[in-house]
Amino acid sequence: MIGDTLAHVAAEEYKDIIIIAGYDEGKIWCAISNDGGQTSTELVEVGAGDDERPTIRIMTTGEIMVTLTDGGATKSYLSMDWGATFQLLEEV
C-alpha cells in the first residue's frame, strides 16, 4: 500500500492519481500512485523535516508543492516532474 512505511502521511488526489507525503527518519518523502494506492512509485526524498504532517498541493499547472516544518522553519518544495524530484522554494 502506498506510504505504509511513513508516519504523519498527507494525501492529495488529482484525476485518479494519489500523491502522498509523509515523515520517516528525519525526512519527508513523497510517492505517487496511478491505481488507487495499490502500487506506487518509489519513495522520493522531498527534504529534511520535523516529525509532523506535511501538506501537499497540486497546482493548476500540474506541479506538486509540499510544505513542511524543519527545525521550526516552514519550507516549501516544488516538483515540476510529477514527484521525481523536489526543489526548495523558500524558507519562511
PDB file of N, CA and C in Angstrom:
ATOM      1  N   MET A   1       0.847  -1.175   0.000  1.00  0.00           N
ATOM      2  CA  MET A   1       0.000   0.000   0.000  1.00  0.00           C
ATOM      3  C   MET A   1       0.898   1.246   0.000  1.00  0.00           C
ATOM      4  N   ILE A   2       0.458   2.248  -0.667  1.00  0.00           N
ATOM      5  CA  ILE A   2       1.243   3.472  -0.807  1.00  0.00           C
ATOM      6  C   ILE A   2       1.458   4.150   0.546  1.00  0.00           C
ATOM      7  N   GLY A   3       2.711   4.463   0.845  1.00  0.00           N
ATOM      8  CA  GLY A   3       3.056   5.219   2.045  1.00  0.00           C
ATOM      9  C   GLY A   3       2.938   4.468   3.350  1.00  0.00           C
ATOM     10  N   ASP A   4       2.860   3.136   3.328  1.00  0.00           N
ATOM     11  CA  ASP A   4       2.645   2.397   4.566  1.00  0.00           C
ATOM     12  C   ASP A   4       3.851   2.388   5.505  1.00  0.00           C
ATOM     13  N   THR A   5       4.997   2.835   5.061  1.00  0.00           N
ATOM     14  CA  THR A   5       6.172   2.914   5.933  1.00  0.00           C
ATOM     15  C   THR A   5       6.367   4.301   6.522  1.00  0.00           C
ATOM     16  N   LEU A   6       5.514   5.251   6.152  1.00  0.00           N
ATOM     17  CA  LEU A   6       5.661   6.635   6.587  1.00  0.00           C
ATOM     18  C   LEU A   6       4.723   6.971   7.739  1.00  0.00           C
ATOM     19  N   ALA A   7       5.145   7.932   8.558  1.00  0.00           N
ATOM     20  CA  ALA A   7       4.295   8.471   9.623  1.00  0.00           C
ATOM     21  C   ALA A   7       3.754   9.829   9.191  1.00  0.00           C
ATOM     22  N   HIS A   8       2.642  10.236   9.789  1.00  0.00           N
ATOM     23  CA  HIS A   8       2.054  11.564   9.544  1.00  0.00           C
ATOM     24  C   HIS A   8       1.839  11.814   8.050  1.00  0.00           C
ATOM     25  N   VAL A   9       1.199  10.882   7.387  1.00  0.00           N
ATOM     26  CA  VAL A   9       1.018  10.944   5.938  1.00  0.00           C
ATOM     27  C   VAL A   9      -0.098  11.914   5.556  1.00  0.00           C
ATOM     28  N   ALA A  10       0.180  12.716   4.553  1.00  0.00           N
ATOM     29  CA  ALA A  10      -0.812  13.593   3.924  1.00  0.00           C
ATOM     30  C   ALA A  10      -1.038  13.050   2.517  1.00  0.00           C
ATOM     31  N   ALA A  11      -2.261  13.163   2.013  1.00  0.00           N
ATOM     32  CA  ALA A  11      -2.564  12.669   0.674  1.00  0.00           C
ATOM     33  C   ALA A  11      -3.392  13.683  -0.096  1.00  0.00           C
ATOM     34  N   GLU A  12      -3.237  13.657  -1.383  1.00  0.00           N
ATOM     35  CA  GLU A  12      -3.984  14.525  -2.283  1.00  0.00           C
ATOM     36  C   GLU A  12      -4.317  13.700  -3.518  1.00  0.00           C
ATOM     37  N   GLU A  13      -5.525  13.881  -4.038  1.00  0.00           N
ATOM     38  CA  GLU A  13      -5.926  13.140  -5.231  1.00  0.00           C
ATOM     39  C   GLU A  13      -6.188  14.117  -6.363  1.00  0.00           C
ATOM     40  N   TYR A  14      -5.765  13.732  -7.562  1.00  0.00           N
ATOM     41  CA  TYR A  14      -5.933  14.578  -8.739  1.00  0.00           C
ATOM     42  C   TYR A  14      -6.162  13.664  -9.944  1.00  0.00           C
ATOM     43  N   LYS A  15      -7.356  13.714 -10.509  1.00  0.00           N
ATOM     44  CA  LYS A  15      -7.671  12.916 -11.696  1.00  0.00           C
ATOM     45  C   LYS A  15      -7.263  11.454 -11.523  1.00  0.00           C
ATOM     46  N   ASP A  16      -7.711  10.829 -10.441  1.00  0.00           N
ATOM     47  CA  ASP A  16      -7.460   9.415 -10.126  1.00  0.00           C
ATOM     48  C   ASP A  16      -5.995   9.098  -9.796  1.00  0.00           C
ATOM     49  N   ILE A  17      -5.183  10.106  -9.579  1.00  0.00           N
ATOM     50  CA  ILE A  17      -3.800   9.911  -9.155  1.00  0.00           C
ATOM     51  C   ILE A  17      -3.711  10.309  -7.689  1.00  0.00           C
ATOM     52  N   ILE A  18      -3.116   9.457  -6.859  1.00  0.00           N
ATOM     53  CA  ILE A  18      -2.940   9.763  -5.442  1.00  0.00           C
ATOM     54  C   ILE A  18      -1.486  10.120  -5.191  1.00  0.00           C
ATOM     55  N   ILE A  19      -1.284  11.258  -4.543  1.00  0.00           N
ATOM     56  CA  ILE A  19       0.056  11.709  -4.177  1.00  0.00           C
ATOM     57  C   ILE A  19       0.112  11.754  -2.654  1.00  0.00           C
ATOM     58  N   ILE A  20       1.132  11.109  -2.078  1.00  0.00           N
ATOM     59  CA  ILE A  20       1.269  11.116  -0.628  1.00  0.00           C
ATOM     60  C   ILE A  20       2.630  11.718  -0.243  1.00  0.00           C
ATOM     61  N   ALA A  21       2.678  12.272   0.946  1.00  0.00           N
ATOM     62  CA  ALA A  21       3.939  12.741   1.528  1.00  0.00           C
ATOM     63  C   ALA A  21       3.866  12.425   3.014  1.00  0.00           C
ATOM     64  N   GLY A  22       4.977  11.978   3.580  1.00  0.00           N
ATOM     65  CA  GLY A  22       4.996  11.642   4.992  1.00  0.00           C
ATOM     66  C   GLY A  22       6.404  11.630   5.551  1.00  0.00           C
ATOM     67  N   TYR A  23       6.471  11.408   6.849  1.00  0.00           N
ATOM     68  CA  TYR A  23       7.717  11.506   7.596  1.00  0.00           C
ATOM     69  C   TYR A  23       8.338  10.131   7.843  1.00  0.00           C
ATOM     70  N   ASP A  24       9.672  10.057   7.751  1.00  0.00           N
ATOM     71  CA  ASP A  24      10.431   8.877   8.163  1.00  0.00           C
ATOM     72  C   ASP A  24      11.886   9.275   8.385  1.00  0.00           C
ATOM     73  N   GLU A  25      12.390   9.003   9.582  1.00  0.00           N
ATOM     74  CA  GLU A  25      13.808   9.174   9.931  1.00  0.00           C
ATOM     75  C   GLU A  25      14.368  10.558   9.590  1.00  0.00           C
ATOM     76  N   GLY A  26      13.658  11.606   9.991  1.00  0.00           N
ATOM     77  CA  GLY A  26      14.159  12.965   9.835  1.00  0.00           C
ATOM     78  C   GLY A  26      13.944  13.595   8.475  1.00  0.00           C
ATOM     79  N   LYS A  27      13.212  12.921   7.606  1.00  0.00           N
ATOM     80  CA  LYS A  27      12.986  13.436   6.262  1.00  0.00           C
ATOM     81  C   LYS A  27      11.521  13.280   5.873  1.00  0.00           C
ATOM     82  N   ILE A  28      11.106  14.078   4.897  1.00  0.00           N
ATOM     83  CA  ILE A  28       9.786  13.964   4.298  1.00  0.00           C
ATOM     84  C   ILE A  28       9.974  13.301   2.935  1.00  0.00           C
ATOM     85  N   TRP A  29       9.112  12.326   2.671  1.00  0.00           N
ATOM     86  CA  TRP A  29       9.183  11.533   1.445  1.00  0.00           C
ATOM     87  C   TRP A  29       7.875  11.652   0.685  1.00  0.00           C
ATOM     88  N   CYS A  30       7.921  11.418  -0.637  1.00  0.00           N
ATOM     89  CA  CYS A  30       6.740  11.516  -1.484  1.00  0.00           C
ATOM     90  C   CYS A  30       6.673  10.297  -2.403  1.00  0.00           C
ATOM     91  N   ALA A  31       5.448   9.870  -2.723  1.00  0.00           N
ATOM     92  CA  ALA A  31       5.222   8.805  -3.704  1.00  0.00           C
ATOM     93  C   ALA A  31       3.902   9.084  -4.412  1.00  0.00           C
ATOM     94  N   ILE A  32       3.756   8.484  -5.590  1.00  0.00           N
ATOM     95  CA  ILE A  32       2.561   8.691  -6.403  1.00  0.00           C
ATOM     96  C   ILE A  32       2.014   7.329  -6.838  1.00  0.00           C
ATOM     97  N   SER A  33       0.695   7.218  -6.824  1.00  0.00           N
ATOM     98  CA  SER A  33       0.027   6.001  -7.268  1.00  0.00           C
ATOM     99  C   SER A  33      -0.954   6.336  -8.383  1.00  0.00           C
ATOM    100  N   ASN A  34      -0.961   5.513  -9.405  1.00  0.00           N
ATOM    101  CA  ASN A  34      -1.908   5.685 -10.513  1.00  0.00           C
ATOM    102  C   ASN A  34      -3.043   4.666 -10.456  1.00  0.00           C
ATOM    103  N   ASP A  35      -3.075   3.827  -9.390  1.00  0.00           N
ATOM    104  CA  ASP A  35      -4.081   2.770  -9.312  1.00  0.00           C
ATOM    105  C   ASP A  35      -4.779   2.722  -7.952  1.00  0.00           C
ATOM    106  N   GLY A  36      -5.099   3.884  -7.430  1.00  0.00           N
ATOM    107  CA  GLY A  36      -5.848   3.950  -6.180  1.00  0.00           C
ATOM    108  C   GLY A  36      -5.064   3.569  -4.943  1.00  0.00           C
ATOM    109  N   GLY A  37      -3.756   3.596  -5.025  1.00  0.00           N
ATOM    110  CA  GLY A  37      -2.928   3.325  -3.860  1.00  0.00           C
ATOM    111  C   GLY A  37      -2.457   1.895  -3.717  1.00  0.00           C
ATOM    112  N   GLN A  38      -2.800   1.032  -4.654  1.00  0.00           N
ATOM    113  CA  GLN A  38      -2.361  -0.360  -4.574  1.00  0.00           C
ATOM    114  C   GLN A  38      -0.872  -0.507  -4.852  1.00  0.00           C
ATOM    115  N   THR A  39      -0.364   0.247  -5.802  1.00  0.00           N
ATOM    116  CA  THR A  39       1.071   0.287  -6.093  1.00  0.00           C
ATOM    117  C   THR A  39       1.478   1.748  -6.201  1.00  0.00           C
ATOM    118  N   SER A  40       2.775   2.002  -6.126  1.00  0.00           N
ATOM    119  CA  SER A  40       3.234   3.396  -6.219  1.00  0.00           C
ATOM    120  C   SER A  40       4.662   3.457  -6.725  1.00  0.00           C
ATOM    121  N   THR A  41       5.063   4.669  -7.025  1.00  0.00           N
ATOM    122  CA  THR A  41       6.454   4.910  -7.368  1.00  0.00           C
ATOM    123  C   THR A  41       7.307   4.668  -6.119  1.00  0.00           C
ATOM    124  N   GLU A  42       8.592   4.571  -6.285  1.00  0.00           N
ATOM    125  CA  GLU A  42       9.499   4.507  -5.146  1.00  0.00           C
ATOM    126  C   GLU A  42       9.386   5.817  -4.377  1.00  0.00           C
ATOM    127  N   LEU A  43       9.648   5.769  -3.080  1.00  0.00           N
ATOM    128  CA  LEU A  43       9.655   7.000  -2.292  1.00  0.00           C
ATOM    129  C   LEU A  43      10.780   7.909  -2.763  1.00  0.00           C
ATOM    130  N   VAL A  44      10.472   9.193  -2.884  1.00  0.00           N
ATOM    131  CA  VAL A  44      11.434  10.208  -3.292  1.00  0.00           C
ATOM    132  C   VAL A  44      11.593  11.183  -2.131  1.00  0.00           C
ATOM    133  N   GLU A  45      12.820  11.513  -1.782  1.00  0.00           N
ATOM    134  CA  GLU A  45      13.063  12.459  -0.692  1.00  0.00           C
ATOM    135  C   GLU A  45      12.671  13.870  -1.118  1.00  0.00           C
ATOM    136  N   VAL A  46      11.834  14.489  -0.294  1.00  0.00           N
ATOM    137  CA  VAL A  46      11.472  15.883  -0.522  1.00  0.00           C
ATOM    138  C   VAL A  46      12.508  16.768   0.158  1.00  0.00           C
ATOM    139  N   GLY A  47      12.764  16.526   1.445  1.00  0.00           N
ATOM    140  CA  GLY A  47      13.744  17.302   2.200  1.00  0.00           C
ATOM    141  C   GLY A  47      13.705  16.929   3.667  1.00  0.00           C
ATOM    142  N   ALA A  48      14.659  17.433   4.418  1.00  0.00           N
ATOM    143  CA  ALA A  48      14.691  17.213   5.866  1.00  0.00           C
ATOM    144  C   ALA A  48      13.466  17.856   6.485  1.00  0.00           C
ATOM    145  N   GLY A  49      12.910  17.196   7.506  1.00  0.00           N
ATOM    146  CA  GLY A  49      11.715  17.755   8.121  1.00  0.00           C
ATOM    147  C   GLY A  49      11.485  17.237   9.510  1.00  0.00           C
ATOM    148  N   ASP A  50      10.648  17.950  10.250  1.00  0.00           N
ATOM    149  CA  ASP A  50      10.277  17.552  11.599  1.00  0.00           C
ATOM    150  C   ASP A  50       9.275  16.403  11.551  1.00  0.00           C
ATOM    151  N   ASP A  51       9.100  15.764  12.683  1.00  0.00           N
ATOM    152  CA  ASP A  51       8.183  14.644  12.840  1.00  0.00           C
ATOM    153  C   ASP A  51       6.748  15.169  12.904  1.00  0.00           C
ATOM    154  N   GLU A  52       6.286  15.733  11.784  1.00  0.00           N
ATOM    155  CA  GLU A  52       4.957  16.330  11.663  1.00  0.00           C
ATOM    156  C   GLU A  52       4.406  16.050  10.279  1.00  0.00           C
ATOM    157  N   ARG A  53       3.114  16.232  10.130  1.00  0.00           N
ATOM    158  CA  ARG A  53       2.461  16.007   8.831  1.00  0.00           C
ATOM    159  C   ARG A  53       2.771  17.164   7.879  1.00  0.00           C
ATOM    160  N   PRO A  54       3.257  16.856   6.683  1.00  0.00           N
ATOM    161  CA  PRO A  54       3.442  17.901   5.663  1.00  0.00           C
ATOM    162  C   PRO A  54       2.101  18.206   4.997  1.00  0.00           C
ATOM    163  N   THR A  55       2.075  19.205   4.152  1.00  0.00           N
ATOM    164  CA  THR A  55       0.891  19.462   3.333  1.00  0.00           C
ATOM    165  C   THR A  55       1.281  19.302   1.868  1.00  0.00           C
ATOM    166  N   ILE A  56       0.295  18.938   1.061  1.00  0.00           N
ATOM    167  CA  ILE A  56       0.510  18.746  -0.372  1.00  0.00           C
ATOM    168  C   ILE A  56      -0.511  19.583  -1.117  1.00  0.00           C
ATOM    169  N   ARG A  57      -0.066  20.238  -2.170  1.00  0.00           N
ATOM    170  CA  ARG A  57      -0.973  20.958  -3.051  1.00  0.00           C
ATOM    171  C   ARG A  57      -0.566  20.651  -4.489  1.00  0.00           C
ATOM    172  N   ILE A  58      -1.569  20.399  -5.305  1.00  0.00           N
ATOM    173  CA  ILE A  58      -1.318  20.216  -6.726  1.00  0.00           C
ATOM    174  C   ILE A  58      -1.727  21.523  -7.397  1.00  0.00           C
ATOM    175  N   MET A  59      -0.777  22.154  -8.008  1.00  0.00           N
ATOM    176  CA  MET A  59      -1.005  23.458  -8.614  1.00  0.00           C
ATOM    177  C   MET A  59      -1.786  23.300  -9.917  1.00  0.00           C
ATOM    178  N   THR A  60      -2.438  24.352 -10.363  1.00  0.00           N
ATOM    179  CA  THR A  60      -3.193  24.301 -11.618  1.00  0.00           C
ATOM    180  C   THR A  60      -2.273  24.026 -12.807  1.00  0.00           C
ATOM    181  N   THR A  61      -0.991  24.254 -12.633  1.00  0.00           N
ATOM    182  CA  THR A  61      -0.007  23.992 -13.685  1.00  0.00           C
ATOM    183  C   THR A  61       0.443  22.536 -13.695  1.00  0.00           C
ATOM    184  N   GLY A  62      -0.025  21.727 -12.713  1.00  0.00           N
ATOM    185  CA  GLY A  62       0.373  20.328 -12.628  1.00  0.00           C
ATOM    186  C   GLY A  62       1.566  20.088 -11.727  1.00  0.00           C
ATOM    187  N   GLU A  63       2.153  21.142 -11.213  1.00  0.00           N
ATOM    188  CA  GLU A  63       3.287  20.984 -10.306  1.00  0.00           C
ATOM    189  C   GLU A  63       2.782  20.562  -8.921  1.00  0.00           C
ATOM    190  N   ILE A  64       3.638  19.881  -8.171  1.00  0.00           N
ATOM    191  CA  ILE A  64       3.302  19.427  -6.827  1.00  0.00           C
ATOM    192  C   ILE A  64       4.093  20.248  -5.827  1.00  0.00           C
ATOM    193  N   MET A  65       3.396  20.840  -4.843  1.00  0.00           N
ATOM    194  CA  MET A  65       4.063  21.588  -3.791  1.00  0.00           C
ATOM    195  C   MET A  65       3.890  20.844  -2.471  1.00  0.00           C
ATOM    196  N   VAL A  66       4.997  20.611  -1.776  1.00  0.00           N
ATOM    197  CA  VAL A  66       4.971  20.004  -0.447  1.00  0.00           C
ATOM    198  C   VAL A  66       5.538  21.033   0.518  1.00  0.00           C
ATOM    199  N   THR A  67       4.781  21.324   1.567  1.00  0.00           N
ATOM    200  CA  THR A  67       5.227  22.263   2.592  1.00  0.00           C
ATOM    201  C   THR A  67       5.413  21.494   3.883  1.00  0.00           C
ATOM    202  N   LEU A  68       6.535  21.759   4.559  1.00  0.00           N
ATOM    203  CA  LEU A  68       6.875  21.031   5.774  1.00  0.00           C
ATOM    204  C   LEU A  68       7.532  21.967   6.772  1.00  0.00           C
ATOM    205  N   THR A  69       7.701  21.463   7.994  1.00  0.00           N
ATOM    206  CA  THR A  69       8.400  22.204   9.033  1.00  0.00           C
ATOM    207  C   THR A  69       9.728  21.515   9.288  1.00  0.00           C
ATOM    208  N   ASP A  70      10.809  22.289   9.329  1.00  0.00           N
ATOM    209  CA  ASP A  70      12.147  21.752   9.588  1.00  0.00           C
ATOM    210  C   ASP A  70      12.829  22.656  10.599  1.00  0.00           C
ATOM    211  N   GLY A  71      12.990  22.163  11.825  1.00  0.00           N
ATOM    212  CA  GLY A  71      13.622  22.965  12.870  1.00  0.00           C
ATOM    213  C   GLY A  71      12.832  24.211  13.209  1.00  0.00           C
ATOM    214  N   GLY A  72      11.527  24.156  13.061  1.00  0.00           N
ATOM    215  CA  GLY A  72      10.670  25.300  13.356  1.00  0.00           C
ATOM    216  C   GLY A  72      10.459  26.224  12.172  1.00  0.00           C
ATOM    217  N   ALA A  73      11.213  26.058  11.089  1.00  0.00           N
ATOM    218  CA  ALA A  73      11.054  26.886   9.890  1.00  0.00           C
ATOM    219  C   ALA A  73      10.123  26.178   8.903  1.00  0.00           C
ATOM    220  N   THR A  74       9.271  26.937   8.240  1.00  0.00           N
ATOM    221  CA  THR A  74       8.389  26.385   7.217  1.00  0.00           C
ATOM    222  C   THR A  74       9.113  26.446   5.883  1.00  0.00           C
ATOM    223  N   LYS A  75       9.151  25.302   5.195  1.00  0.00           N
ATOM    224  CA  LYS A  75       9.829  25.217   3.899  1.00  0.00           C
ATOM    225  C   LYS A  75       8.867  24.645   2.870  1.00  0.00           C
ATOM    226  N   SER A  76       8.929  25.186   1.669  1.00  0.00           N
ATOM    227  CA  SER A  76       8.106  24.693   0.571  1.00  0.00           C
ATOM    228  C   SER A  76       9.001  24.147  -0.525  1.00  0.00           C
ATOM    229  N   TYR A  77       8.617  22.993  -1.032  1.00  0.00           N
ATOM    230  CA  TYR A  77       9.357  22.337  -2.116  1.00  0.00           C
ATOM    231  C   TYR A  77       8.421  22.161  -3.292  1.00  0.00           C
ATOM    232  N   LEU A  78       8.951  22.279  -4.500  1.00  0.00           N
ATOM    233  CA  LEU A  78       8.148  22.167  -5.709  1.00  0.00           C
ATOM    234  C   LEU A  78       8.727  21.080  -6.601  1.00  0.00           C
ATOM    235  N   SER A  79       7.836  20.261  -7.140  1.00  0.00           N
ATOM    236  CA  SER A  79       8.214  19.269  -8.140  1.00  0.00           C
ATOM    237  C   SER A  79       7.563  19.652  -9.448  1.00  0.00           C
ATOM    238  N   MET A  80       8.356  19.784 -10.485  1.00  0.00           N
ATOM    239  CA  MET A  80       7.841  20.111 -11.810  1.00  0.00           C
ATOM    240  C   MET A  80       7.837  18.887 -12.710  1.00  0.00           C
ATOM    241  N   ASP A  81       8.149  17.693 -12.117  1.00  0.00           N
ATOM    242  CA  ASP A  81       8.218  16.454 -12.891  1.00  0.00           C
ATOM    243  C   ASP A  81       7.420  15.327 -12.230  1.00  0.00           C
ATOM    244  N   TRP A  82       6.257  15.676 -11.695  1.00  0.00           N
ATOM    245  CA  TRP A  82       5.327  14.737 -11.057  1.00  0.00           C
ATOM    246  C   TRP A  82       5.977  13.900  -9.969  1.00  0.00           C
ATOM    247  N   GLY A  83       6.763  14.549  -9.119  1.00  0.00           N
ATOM    248  CA  GLY A  83       7.291  13.898  -7.931  1.00  0.00           C
ATOM    249  C   GLY A  83       8.595  13.154  -8.100  1.00  0.00           C
ATOM    250  N   ALA A  84       9.229  13.260  -9.251  1.00  0.00           N
ATOM    251  CA  ALA A  84      10.521  12.589  -9.438  1.00  0.00           C
ATOM    252  C   ALA A  84      11.622  13.317  -8.670  1.00  0.00           C
ATOM    253  N   THR A  85      11.531  14.650  -8.601  1.00  0.00           N
ATOM    254  CA  THR A  85      12.498  15.466  -7.856  1.00  0.00           C
ATOM    255  C   THR A  85      11.760  16.649  -7.231  1.00  0.00           C
ATOM    256  N   PHE A  86      12.346  17.193  -6.168  1.00  0.00           N
ATOM    257  CA  PHE A  86      11.785  18.360  -5.490  1.00  0.00           C
ATOM    258  C   PHE A  86      12.863  19.411  -5.298  1.00  0.00           C
ATOM    259  N   GLN A  87      12.480  20.670  -5.437  1.00  0.00           N
ATOM    260  CA  GLN A  87      13.398  21.800  -5.292  1.00  0.00           C
ATOM    261  C   GLN A  87      12.860  22.733  -4.205  1.00  0.00           C
ATOM    262  N   LEU A  88      13.732  23.153  -3.287  1.00  0.00           N
ATOM    263  CA  LEU A  88      13.354  24.096  -2.225  1.00  0.00           C
ATOM    264  C   LEU A  88      12.986  25.434  -2.851  1.00  0.00           C
ATOM    265  N   LEU A  89      11.813  25.954  -2.477  1.00  0.00           N
ATOM    266  CA  LEU A  89      11.349  27.241  -2.997  1.00  0.00           C
ATOM    267  C   LEU A  89      11.729  28.397  -2.104  1.00  0.00           C
ATOM    268  N   GLU A  90      11.407  28.259  -0.802  1.00  0.00           N
ATOM    269  CA  GLU A  90      11.631  29.377   0.087  1.00  0.00           C
ATOM    270  C   GLU A  90      11.687  28.880   1.516  1.00  0.00           C
ATOM    271  N   GLU A  91      12.203  29.694   2.393  1.00  0.00           N
ATOM    272  CA  GLU A  91      12.186  29.406   3.806  1.00  0.00           C
ATOM    273  C   GLU A  91      11.515  30.577   4.495  1.00  0.00           C
ATOM    274  N   VAL A  92      10.449  30.300   5.232  1.00  0.00           N
ATOM    275  CA  VAL A  92       9.664  31.356   5.882  1.00  0.00           C
ATOM    276  C   VAL A  92      10.074  31.476   7.327  1.00  0.00           C
TER     277      VAL A  92
END
